[in-house]
């Protein structure tokens, strides 16, 4: 919408207004780019904190498995409500078991 104001200012030859509007547009685009860059960095930091491996009990034995291979029925060691699992779902609540 502010672009329309810049065009109108140019058409009616209000050069002072046009300069102010263009400066605001440049400032706005710079701030937007910086925020997008910071958001991308935050997403990368969150990805780095995801659990890539999990300790799961299958066939009555504990196995260190890739987190993407977890299936319904796997019992995980040290799982808390804040833990990340591939599809974000837990089966039958928060089951906490520890390997012997």
PDB file of N, CA and C in Angstrom:
ATOM      1  N   UNK A   1       0.808  -1.178   0.000  1.00  0.00           N
ATOM      2  CA  UNK A   1       0.000   0.000   0.000  1.00  0.00           C
ATOM      3  C   UNK A   1       0.864   1.259   0.000  1.00  0.00           C
ATOM      4  N   UNK A   2       1.987   1.175   0.698  1.00  0.00           N
ATOM      5  CA  UNK A   2       2.865   2.341   0.743  1.00  0.00           C
ATOM      6  C   UNK A   2       3.500   2.602  -0.631  1.00  0.00           C
ATOM      7  N   UNK A   3       3.582   1.555  -1.442  1.00  0.00           N
ATOM      8  CA  UNK A   3       4.096   1.722  -2.802  1.00  0.00           C
ATOM      9  C   UNK A   3       3.167   2.615  -3.616  1.00  0.00           C
ATOM     10  N   UNK A   4       1.854   2.461  -3.395  1.00  0.00           N
ATOM     11  CA  UNK A   4       0.872   3.300  -4.082  1.00  0.00           C
ATOM     12  C   UNK A   4       1.058   4.759  -3.675  1.00  0.00           C
ATOM     13  N   UNK A   5       1.333   4.981  -2.401  1.00  0.00           N
ATOM     14  CA  UNK A   5       1.566   6.347  -1.926  1.00  0.00           C
ATOM     15  C   UNK A   5       2.801   6.938  -2.598  1.00  0.00           C
ATOM     16  N   UNK A   6       3.828   6.116  -2.815  1.00  0.00           N
ATOM     17  CA  UNK A   6       5.027   6.604  -3.508  1.00  0.00           C
ATOM     18  C   UNK A   6       4.704   6.979  -4.948  1.00  0.00           C
ATOM     19  N   UNK A   7       3.902   6.164  -5.618  1.00  0.00           N
ATOM     20  CA  UNK A   7       3.534   6.453  -7.008  1.00  0.00           C
ATOM     21  C   UNK A   7       2.703   7.732  -7.082  1.00  0.00           C
ATOM     22  N   UNK A   8       1.734   7.872  -6.175  1.00  0.00           N
ATOM     23  CA  UNK A   8       0.898   9.070  -6.165  1.00  0.00           C
ATOM     24  C   UNK A   8       1.750  10.310  -5.892  1.00  0.00           C
ATOM     25  N   UNK A   9       2.674  10.215  -4.960  1.00  0.00           N
ATOM     26  CA  UNK A   9       3.558  11.344  -4.664  1.00  0.00           C
ATOM     27  C   UNK A   9       4.391  11.724  -5.879  1.00  0.00           C
ATOM     28  N   UNK A  10       4.842  10.747  -6.636  1.00  0.00           N
ATOM     29  CA  UNK A  10       5.616  11.033  -7.841  1.00  0.00           C
ATOM     30  C   UNK A  10       4.740  11.671  -8.917  1.00  0.00           C
ATOM     31  N   UNK A  11       3.498  11.182  -9.060  1.00  0.00           N
ATOM     32  CA  UNK A  11       2.599  11.711 -10.088  1.00  0.00           C
ATOM     33  C   UNK A  11       2.243  13.168  -9.801  1.00  0.00           C
ATOM     34  N   UNK A  12       1.976  13.483  -8.539  1.00  0.00           N
ATOM     35  CA  UNK A  12       1.604  14.851  -8.199  1.00  0.00           C
ATOM     36  C   UNK A  12       2.830  15.718  -7.892  1.00  0.00           C
ATOM     37  N   UNK A  13       4.000  15.172  -8.072  1.00  0.00           N
ATOM     38  CA  UNK A  13       5.285  15.874  -7.930  1.00  0.00           C
ATOM     39  C   UNK A  13       5.520  16.448  -6.535  1.00  0.00           C
ATOM     40  N   UNK A  14       5.174  15.637  -5.532  1.00  0.00           N
ATOM     41  CA  UNK A  14       5.522  15.977  -4.152  1.00  0.00           C
ATOM     42  C   UNK A  14       6.817  15.227  -3.826  1.00  0.00           C
ATOM     43  N   UNK A  15       7.928  15.801  -4.221  1.00  0.00           N
ATOM     44  CA  UNK A  15       9.213  15.110  -4.147  1.00  0.00           C
ATOM     45  C   UNK A  15       9.656  14.844  -2.708  1.00  0.00           C
ATOM     46  N   UNK A  16       9.370  15.774  -1.811  1.00  0.00           N
ATOM     47  CA  UNK A  16       9.744  15.555  -0.409  1.00  0.00           C
ATOM     48  C   UNK A  16       9.024  14.331   0.158  1.00  0.00           C
ATOM     49  N   UNK A  17       7.734  14.241  -0.123  1.00  0.00           N
ATOM     50  CA  UNK A  17       6.959  13.086   0.345  1.00  0.00           C
ATOM     51  C   UNK A  17       7.475  11.800  -0.292  1.00  0.00           C
ATOM     52  N   UNK A  18       7.811  11.859  -1.575  1.00  0.00           N
ATOM     53  CA  UNK A  18       8.319  10.669  -2.271  1.00  0.00           C
ATOM     54  C   UNK A  18       9.611  10.176  -1.631  1.00  0.00           C
ATOM     55  N   UNK A  19      10.511  11.095  -1.307  1.00  0.00           N
ATOM     56  CA  UNK A  19      11.784  10.702  -0.685  1.00  0.00           C
ATOM     57  C   UNK A  19      11.543  10.060   0.669  1.00  0.00           C
ATOM     58  N   UNK A  20      10.663  10.641   1.474  1.00  0.00           N
ATOM     59  CA  UNK A  20      10.361  10.076   2.795  1.00  0.00           C
ATOM     60  C   UNK A  20       9.765   8.676   2.651  1.00  0.00           C
ATOM     61  N   UNK A  21       8.834   8.523   1.730  1.00  0.00           N
ATOM     62  CA  UNK A  21       8.195   7.216   1.514  1.00  0.00           C
ATOM     63  C   UNK A  21       9.218   6.191   1.040  1.00  0.00           C
ATOM     64  N   UNK A  22      10.101   6.572   0.122  1.00  0.00           N
ATOM     65  CA  UNK A  22      11.120   5.632  -0.368  1.00  0.00           C
ATOM     66  C   UNK A  22      12.103   5.235   0.732  1.00  0.00           C
ATOM     67  N   UNK A  23      12.461   6.197   1.590  1.00  0.00           N
ATOM     68  CA  UNK A  23      13.344   5.870   2.720  1.00  0.00           C
ATOM     69  C   UNK A  23      12.661   4.878   3.659  1.00  0.00           C
ATOM     70  N   UNK A  24      11.379   5.104   3.929  1.00  0.00           N
ATOM     71  CA  UNK A  24      10.631   4.169   4.780  1.00  0.00           C
ATOM     72  C   UNK A  24      10.531   2.780   4.143  1.00  0.00           C
ATOM     73  N   UNK A  25      10.326   2.731   2.838  1.00  0.00           N
ATOM     74  CA  UNK A  25      10.277   1.435   2.141  1.00  0.00           C
ATOM     75  C   UNK A  25      11.604   0.696   2.260  1.00  0.00           C
ATOM     76  N   UNK A  26      12.705   1.410   2.077  1.00  0.00           N
ATOM     77  CA  UNK A  26      14.022   0.782   2.182  1.00  0.00           C
ATOM     78  C   UNK A  26      14.278   0.289   3.614  1.00  0.00           C
ATOM     79  N   UNK A  27      13.913   1.119   4.587  1.00  0.00           N
ATOM     80  CA  UNK A  27      14.082   0.722   5.988  1.00  0.00           C
ATOM     81  C   UNK A  27      13.255  -0.520   6.292  1.00  0.00           C
ATOM     82  N   UNK A  28      12.011  -0.532   5.844  1.00  0.00           N
ATOM     83  CA  UNK A  28      11.115  -1.665   6.071  1.00  0.00           C
ATOM     84  C   UNK A  28      11.654  -2.942   5.439  1.00  0.00           C
ATOM     85  N   UNK A  29      12.158  -2.847   4.216  1.00  0.00           N
ATOM     86  CA  UNK A  29      12.679  -4.046   3.565  1.00  0.00           C
ATOM     87  C   UNK A  29      13.955  -4.538   4.244  1.00  0.00           C
ATOM     88  N   UNK A  30      14.775  -3.626   4.747  1.00  0.00           N
ATOM     89  CA  UNK A  30      15.995  -4.029   5.455  1.00  0.00           C
ATOM     90  C   UNK A  30      15.649  -4.751   6.754  1.00  0.00           C
ATOM     91  N   UNK A  31      14.716  -4.197   7.509  1.00  0.00           N
ATOM     92  CA  UNK A  31      14.296  -4.840   8.754  1.00  0.00           C
ATOM     93  C   UNK A  31      13.680  -6.209   8.466  1.00  0.00           C
ATOM     94  N   UNK A  32      12.883  -6.314   7.426  1.00  0.00           N
ATOM     95  CA  UNK A  32      12.283  -7.597   7.057  1.00  0.00           C
ATOM     96  C   UNK A  32      13.319  -8.643   6.717  1.00  0.00           C
ATOM     97  N   UNK A  33      14.347  -8.251   5.972  1.00  0.00           N
ATOM     98  CA  UNK A  33      15.415  -9.198   5.624  1.00  0.00           C
ATOM     99  C   UNK A  33      16.176  -9.658   6.860  1.00  0.00           C
ATOM    100  N   UNK A  34      16.466  -8.726   7.767  1.00  0.00           N
ATOM    101  CA  UNK A  34      17.172  -9.088   8.995  1.00  0.00           C
ATOM    102  C   UNK A  34      16.344 -10.045   9.856  1.00  0.00           C
ATOM    103  N   UNK A  35      15.052  -9.788   9.970  1.00  0.00           N
ATOM    104  CA  UNK A  35      14.190 -10.670  10.750  1.00  0.00           C
ATOM    105  C   UNK A  35      14.094 -12.055  10.123  1.00  0.00           C
ATOM    106  N   UNK A  36      14.027 -12.108   8.805  1.00  0.00           N
ATOM    107  CA  UNK A  36      13.964 -13.399   8.127  1.00  0.00           C
ATOM    108  C   UNK A  36      15.249 -14.190   8.346  1.00  0.00           C
ATOM    109  N   UNK A  37      16.374 -13.510   8.310  1.00  0.00           N
ATOM    110  CA  UNK A  37      17.663 -14.168   8.546  1.00  0.00           C
ATOM    111  C   UNK A  37      17.740 -14.708   9.980  1.00  0.00           C
ATOM    112  N   UNK A  38      17.298 -13.912  10.955  1.00  0.00           N
ATOM    113  CA  UNK A  38      17.298 -14.358  12.343  1.00  0.00           C
ATOM    114  C   UNK A  38      16.353 -15.534  12.549  1.00  0.00           C
ATOM    115  N   UNK A  39      15.221 -15.517  11.883  1.00  0.00           N
ATOM    116  CA  UNK A  39      14.270 -16.625  11.995  1.00  0.00           C
ATOM    117  C   UNK A  39      14.864 -17.904  11.413  1.00  0.00           C
ATOM    118  N   UNK A  40      15.569 -17.792  10.296  1.00  0.00           N
ATOM    119  CA  UNK A  40      16.212 -18.965   9.696  1.00  0.00           C
ATOM    120  C   UNK A  40      17.273 -19.525  10.635  1.00  0.00           C
ATOM    121  N   UNK A  41      18.031 -18.646  11.291  1.00  0.00           N
ATOM    122  CA  UNK A  41      19.031 -19.107  12.258  1.00  0.00           C
ATOM    123  C   UNK A  41      18.376 -19.817  13.439  1.00  0.00           C
ATOM    124  N   UNK A  42      17.236 -19.300  13.893  1.00  0.00           N
ATOM    125  CA  UNK A  42      16.522 -19.925  15.004  1.00  0.00           C
ATOM    126  C   UNK A  42      16.010 -21.306  14.623  1.00  0.00           C
ATOM    127  N   UNK A  43      15.506 -21.455  13.407  1.00  0.00           N
ATOM    128  CA  UNK A  43      15.029 -22.758  12.940  1.00  0.00           C
ATOM    129  C   UNK A  43      16.188 -23.751  12.883  1.00  0.00           C
ATOM    130  N   UNK A  44      17.329 -23.327  12.390  1.00  0.00           N
ATOM    131  CA  UNK A  44      18.502 -24.213  12.334  1.00  0.00           C
ATOM    132  C   UNK A  44      18.941 -24.626  13.733  1.00  0.00           C
ATOM    133  N   UNK A  45      18.897 -23.702  14.694  1.00  0.00           N
ATOM    134  CA  UNK A  45      19.266 -24.028  16.068  1.00  0.00           C
ATOM    135  C   UNK A  45      18.302 -25.053  16.662  1.00  0.00           C
ATOM    136  N   UNK A  46      17.011 -24.905  16.374  1.00  0.00           N
ATOM    137  CA  UNK A  46      16.025 -25.868  16.864  1.00  0.00           C
ATOM    138  C   UNK A  46      16.226 -27.233  16.229  1.00  0.00           C
ATOM    139  N   UNK A  47      16.537 -27.260  14.951  1.00  0.00           N
ATOM    140  CA  UNK A  47      16.797 -28.542  14.280  1.00  0.00           C
ATOM    141  C   UNK A  47      17.986 -29.252  14.896  1.00  0.00           C
ATOM    142  N   UNK A  48      18.979 -28.484  15.322  1.00  0.00           N
ATOM    143  CA  UNK A  48      20.161 -29.073  15.937  1.00  0.00           C
ATOM    144  C   UNK A  48      19.867 -29.705  17.281  1.00  0.00           C
ATOM    145  N   UNK A  49      18.772 -29.278  17.938  1.00  0.00           N
ATOM    146  CA  UNK A  49      18.419 -29.820  19.242  1.00  0.00           C
ATOM    147  C   UNK A  49      17.478 -31.019  19.163  1.00  0.00           C
ATOM    148  N   UNK A  50      16.986 -31.353  17.998  1.00  0.00           N
ATOM    149  CA  UNK A  50      16.086 -32.495  17.876  1.00  0.00           C
ATOM    150  C   UNK A  50      16.828 -33.795  18.157  1.00  0.00           C
ATOM    151  N   UNK A  51      16.123 -34.713  18.732  1.00  0.00           N
ATOM    152  CA  UNK A  51      16.716 -36.022  19.017  1.00  0.00           C
ATOM    153  C   UNK A  51      16.829 -36.811  17.710  1.00  0.00           C
ATOM    154  N   UNK A  52      18.048 -37.124  17.321  1.00  0.00           N
ATOM    155  CA  UNK A  52      18.258 -37.895  16.102  1.00  0.00           C
ATOM    156  C   UNK A  52      18.284 -39.397  16.372  1.00  0.00           C
ATOM    157  N   UNK A  53      18.600 -39.764  17.609  1.00  0.00           N
ATOM    158  CA  UNK A  53      18.655 -41.166  17.992  1.00  0.00           C
ATOM    159  C   UNK A  53      17.762 -41.352  19.212  1.00  0.00           C
ATOM    160  N   UNK A  54      17.297 -42.549  19.429  1.00  0.00           N
ATOM    161  CA  UNK A  54      16.441 -42.841  20.577  1.00  0.00           C
ATOM    162  C   UNK A  54      16.792 -44.213  21.124  1.00  0.00           C
ATOM    163  N   UNK A  55      16.617 -44.361  22.409  1.00  0.00           N
ATOM    164  CA  UNK A  55      16.804 -45.658  23.057  1.00  0.00           C
ATOM    165  C   UNK A  55      15.419 -46.284  23.186  1.00  0.00           C
ATOM    166  N   UNK A  56      15.170 -47.318  22.387  1.00  0.00           N
ATOM    167  CA  UNK A  56      13.839 -47.930  22.328  1.00  0.00           C
ATOM    168  C   UNK A  56      13.912 -49.407  22.698  1.00  0.00           C
ATOM    169  N   UNK A  57      12.854 -49.882  23.353  1.00  0.00           N
ATOM    170  CA  UNK A  57      12.783 -51.308  23.697  1.00  0.00           C
ATOM    171  C   UNK A  57      11.911 -52.004  22.671  1.00  0.00           C
ATOM    172  N   UNK A  58      12.548 -52.949  21.978  1.00  0.00           N
ATOM    173  CA  UNK A  58      11.853 -53.783  20.981  1.00  0.00           C
ATOM    174  C   UNK A  58      12.206 -55.230  21.276  1.00  0.00           C
ATOM    175  N   UNK A  59      11.224 -56.082  21.251  1.00  0.00           N
ATOM    176  CA  UNK A  59      11.438 -57.513  21.507  1.00  0.00           C
ATOM    177  C   UNK A  59      12.157 -57.740  22.825  1.00  0.00           C
ATOM    178  N   UNK A  60      11.727 -56.994  23.849  1.00  0.00           N
ATOM    179  CA  UNK A  60      12.252 -57.117  25.211  1.00  0.00           C
ATOM    180  C   UNK A  60      13.730 -56.766  25.341  1.00  0.00           C
ATOM    181  N   UNK A  61      14.312 -56.077  24.345  1.00  0.00           N
ATOM    182  CA  UNK A  61      15.706 -55.634  24.420  1.00  0.00           C
ATOM    183  C   UNK A  61      15.773 -54.156  24.073  1.00  0.00           C
ATOM    184  N   UNK A  62      16.760 -53.459  24.660  1.00  0.00           N
ATOM    185  CA  UNK A  62      16.959 -52.043  24.383  1.00  0.00           C
ATOM    186  C   UNK A  62      17.869 -51.882  23.184  1.00  0.00           C
ATOM    187  N   UNK A  63      17.472 -51.023  22.255  1.00  0.00           N
ATOM    188  CA  UNK A  63      18.243 -50.764  21.038  1.00  0.00           C
ATOM    189  C   UNK A  63      18.399 -49.255  20.849  1.00  0.00           C
ATOM    190  N   UNK A  64      19.566 -48.852  20.383  1.00  0.00           N
ATOM    191  CA  UNK A  64      19.788 -47.464  19.994  1.00  0.00           C
ATOM    192  C   UNK A  64      19.378 -47.370  18.523  1.00  0.00           C
ATOM    193  N   UNK A  65      18.266 -46.675  18.254  1.00  0.00           N
ATOM    194  CA  UNK A  65      17.716 -46.632  16.899  1.00  0.00           C
ATOM    195  C   UNK A  65      17.643 -45.199  16.396  1.00  0.00           C
ATOM    196  N   UNK A  66      17.561 -45.066  15.091  1.00  0.00           N
ATOM    197  CA  UNK A  66      17.355 -43.769  14.471  1.00  0.00           C
ATOM    198  C   UNK A  66      15.948 -43.290  14.820  1.00  0.00           C
ATOM    199  N   UNK A  67      15.812 -42.031  15.229  1.00  0.00           N
ATOM    200  CA  UNK A  67      14.516 -41.514  15.679  1.00  0.00           C
ATOM    201  C   UNK A  67      13.451 -41.587  14.588  1.00  0.00           C
ATOM    202  N   UNK A  68      13.848 -41.526  13.340  1.00  0.00           N
ATOM    203  CA  UNK A  68      12.855 -41.586  12.263  1.00  0.00           C
ATOM    204  C   UNK A  68      12.283 -42.993  12.081  1.00  0.00           C
ATOM    205  N   UNK A  69      12.931 -44.001  12.683  1.00  0.00           N
ATOM    206  CA  UNK A  69      12.437 -45.372  12.524  1.00  0.00           C
ATOM    207  C   UNK A  69      11.520 -45.793  13.672  1.00  0.00           C
ATOM    208  N   UNK A  70      11.166 -44.895  14.562  1.00  0.00           N
ATOM    209  CA  UNK A  70      10.273 -45.249  15.668  1.00  0.00           C
ATOM    210  C   UNK A  70       8.886 -45.586  15.138  1.00  0.00           C
ATOM    211  N   UNK A  71       8.288 -46.585  15.755  1.00  0.00           N
ATOM    212  CA  UNK A  71       6.941 -47.014  15.355  1.00  0.00           C
ATOM    213  C   UNK A  71       6.070 -47.097  16.592  1.00  0.00           C
ATOM    214  N   UNK A  72       4.759 -47.147  16.377  1.00  0.00           N
ATOM    215  CA  UNK A  72       3.829 -47.296  17.483  1.00  0.00           C
ATOM    216  C   UNK A  72       4.152 -48.588  18.224  1.00  0.00           C
ATOM    217  N   UNK A  73       4.195 -48.509  19.540  1.00  0.00           N
ATOM    218  CA  UNK A  73       4.502 -49.681  20.347  1.00  0.00           C
ATOM    219  C   UNK A  73       5.919 -49.677  20.883  1.00  0.00           C
ATOM    220  N   UNK A  74       6.797 -48.869  20.312  1.00  0.00           N
ATOM    221  CA  UNK A  74       8.147 -48.752  20.863  1.00  0.00           C
ATOM    222  C   UNK A  74       8.063 -48.074  22.223  1.00  0.00           C
ATOM    223  N   UNK A  75       8.791 -48.597  23.182  1.00  0.00           N
ATOM    224  CA  UNK A  75       8.887 -47.988  24.500  1.00  0.00           C
ATOM    225  C   UNK A  75      10.219 -47.267  24.543  1.00  0.00           C
ATOM    226  N   UNK A  76      10.183 -45.972  24.861  1.00  0.00           N
ATOM    227  CA  UNK A  76      11.382 -45.153  24.821  1.00  0.00           C
ATOM    228  C   UNK A  76      11.896 -44.872  26.217  1.00  0.00           C
ATOM    229  N   UNK A  77      13.199 -44.868  26.370  1.00  0.00           N
ATOM    230  CA  UNK A  77      13.824 -44.546  27.651  1.00  0.00           C
ATOM    231  C   UNK A  77      13.979 -43.046  27.759  1.00  0.00           C
ATOM    232  N   UNK A  78      13.623 -42.491  28.920  1.00  0.00           N
ATOM    233  CA  UNK A  78      13.838 -41.077  29.179  1.00  0.00           C
ATOM    234  C   UNK A  78      12.939 -40.145  28.408  1.00  0.00           C
ATOM    235  N   UNK A  79      11.813 -40.616  27.947  1.00  0.00           N
ATOM    236  CA  UNK A  79      10.906 -39.773  27.183  1.00  0.00           C
ATOM    237  C   UNK A  79      10.131 -38.867  28.132  1.00  0.00           C
ATOM    238  N   UNK A  80      10.144 -37.588  27.834  1.00  0.00           N
ATOM    239  CA  UNK A  80       9.371 -36.636  28.619  1.00  0.00           C
ATOM    240  C   UNK A  80       8.397 -35.928  27.691  1.00  0.00           C
ATOM    241  N   UNK A  81       7.528 -35.133  28.246  1.00  0.00           N
ATOM    242  CA  UNK A  81       6.534 -34.447  27.433  1.00  0.00           C
ATOM    243  C   UNK A  81       7.174 -33.456  26.483  1.00  0.00           C
ATOM    244  N   UNK A  82       8.390 -33.010  26.763  1.00  0.00           N
ATOM    245  CA  UNK A  82       9.061 -32.039  25.899  1.00  0.00           C
ATOM    246  C   UNK A  82       9.916 -32.708  24.828  1.00  0.00           C
ATOM    247  N   UNK A  83       9.975 -34.027  24.828  1.00  0.00           N
ATOM    248  CA  UNK A  83      10.814 -34.718  23.854  1.00  0.00           C
ATOM    249  C   UNK A  83      10.224 -34.620  22.457  1.00  0.00           C
ATOM    250  N   UNK A  84      11.101 -34.587  21.468  1.00  0.00           N
ATOM    251  CA  UNK A  84      10.654 -34.509  20.081  1.00  0.00           C
ATOM    252  C   UNK A  84      10.625 -35.906  19.482  1.00  0.00           C
ATOM    253  N   UNK A  85       9.535 -36.251  18.856  1.00  0.00           N
ATOM    254  CA  UNK A  85       9.423 -37.508  18.130  1.00  0.00           C
ATOM    255  C   UNK A  85       9.055 -37.164  16.697  1.00  0.00           C
ATOM    256  N   UNK A  86       9.313 -38.066  15.729  1.00  0.00           N
ATOM    257  CA  UNK A  86       9.190 -37.704  14.315  1.00  0.00           C
ATOM    258  C   UNK A  86       7.896 -37.020  13.907  1.00  0.00           C
ATOM    259  N   UNK A  87       6.736 -37.512  14.320  1.00  0.00           N
ATOM    260  CA  UNK A  87       5.497 -36.885  13.883  1.00  0.00           C
ATOM    261  C   UNK A  87       4.827 -36.088  14.993  1.00  0.00           C
ATOM    262  N   UNK A  88       5.537 -35.910  16.108  1.00  0.00           N
ATOM    263  CA  UNK A  88       5.027 -35.104  17.205  1.00  0.00           C
ATOM    264  C   UNK A  88       3.955 -35.771  18.039  1.00  0.00           C
ATOM    265  N   UNK A  89       3.753 -37.083  17.898  1.00  0.00           N
ATOM    266  CA  UNK A  89       2.698 -37.773  18.625  1.00  0.00           C
ATOM    267  C   UNK A  89       3.306 -38.827  19.545  1.00  0.00           C
ATOM    268  N   UNK A  90       2.684 -38.998  20.678  1.00  0.00           N
ATOM    269  CA  UNK A  90       3.064 -40.056  21.600  1.00  0.00           C
ATOM    270  C   UNK A  90       1.945 -41.086  21.600  1.00  0.00           C
ATOM    271  N   UNK A  91       2.311 -42.327  21.814  1.00  0.00           N
ATOM    272  CA  UNK A  91       1.274 -43.359  21.884  1.00  0.00           C
ATOM    273  C   UNK A  91       0.966 -43.652  23.340  1.00  0.00           C
ATOM    274  N   UNK A  92      -0.273 -43.564  23.710  1.00  0.00           N
ATOM    275  CA  UNK A  92      -0.784 -43.897  25.028  1.00  0.00           C
ATOM    276  C   UNK A  92      -0.049 -43.168  26.147  1.00  0.00           C
ATOM    277  N   UNK A  93       0.102 -41.862  26.007  1.00  0.00           N
ATOM    278  CA  UNK A  93       0.629 -41.042  27.094  1.00  0.00           C
ATOM    279  C   UNK A  93       2.135 -41.076  27.226  1.00  0.00           C
ATOM    280  N   UNK A  94       2.587 -40.648  28.374  1.00  0.00           N
ATOM    281  CA  UNK A  94       4.005 -40.490  28.660  1.00  0.00           C
ATOM    282  C   UNK A  94       4.502 -41.730  29.400  1.00  0.00           C
ATOM    283  N   UNK A  95       5.115 -42.676  28.691  1.00  0.00           N
ATOM    284  CA  UNK A  95       5.614 -43.896  29.314  1.00  0.00           C
ATOM    285  C   UNK A  95       7.113 -43.735  29.544  1.00  0.00           C
ATOM    286  N   UNK A  96       7.521 -43.742  30.779  1.00  0.00           N
ATOM    287  CA  UNK A  96       8.921 -43.585  31.114  1.00  0.00           C
ATOM    288  C   UNK A  96       9.464 -44.897  31.653  1.00  0.00           C
ATOM    289  N   UNK A  97      10.368 -45.459  30.934  1.00  0.00           N
ATOM    290  CA  UNK A  97      11.020 -46.676  31.411  1.00  0.00           C
ATOM    291  C   UNK A  97      12.509 -46.507  31.252  1.00  0.00           C
ATOM    292  N   UNK A  98      13.253 -47.148  32.086  1.00  0.00           N
ATOM    293  CA  UNK A  98      14.716 -47.078  32.052  1.00  0.00           C
ATOM    294  C   UNK A  98      15.259 -48.463  31.752  1.00  0.00           C
ATOM    295  N   UNK A  99      16.331 -48.520  30.936  1.00  0.00           N
ATOM    296  CA  UNK A  99      16.941 -49.825  30.698  1.00  0.00           C
ATOM    297  C   UNK A  99      17.624 -50.322  31.959  1.00  0.00           C
ATOM    298  N   UNK A 100      17.670 -51.618  32.117  1.00  0.00           N
ATOM    299  CA  UNK A 100      18.335 -52.217  33.297  1.00  0.00           C
ATOM    300  C   UNK A 100      19.828 -52.247  33.129  1.00  0.00           C
TER     301      UNK A 100
END
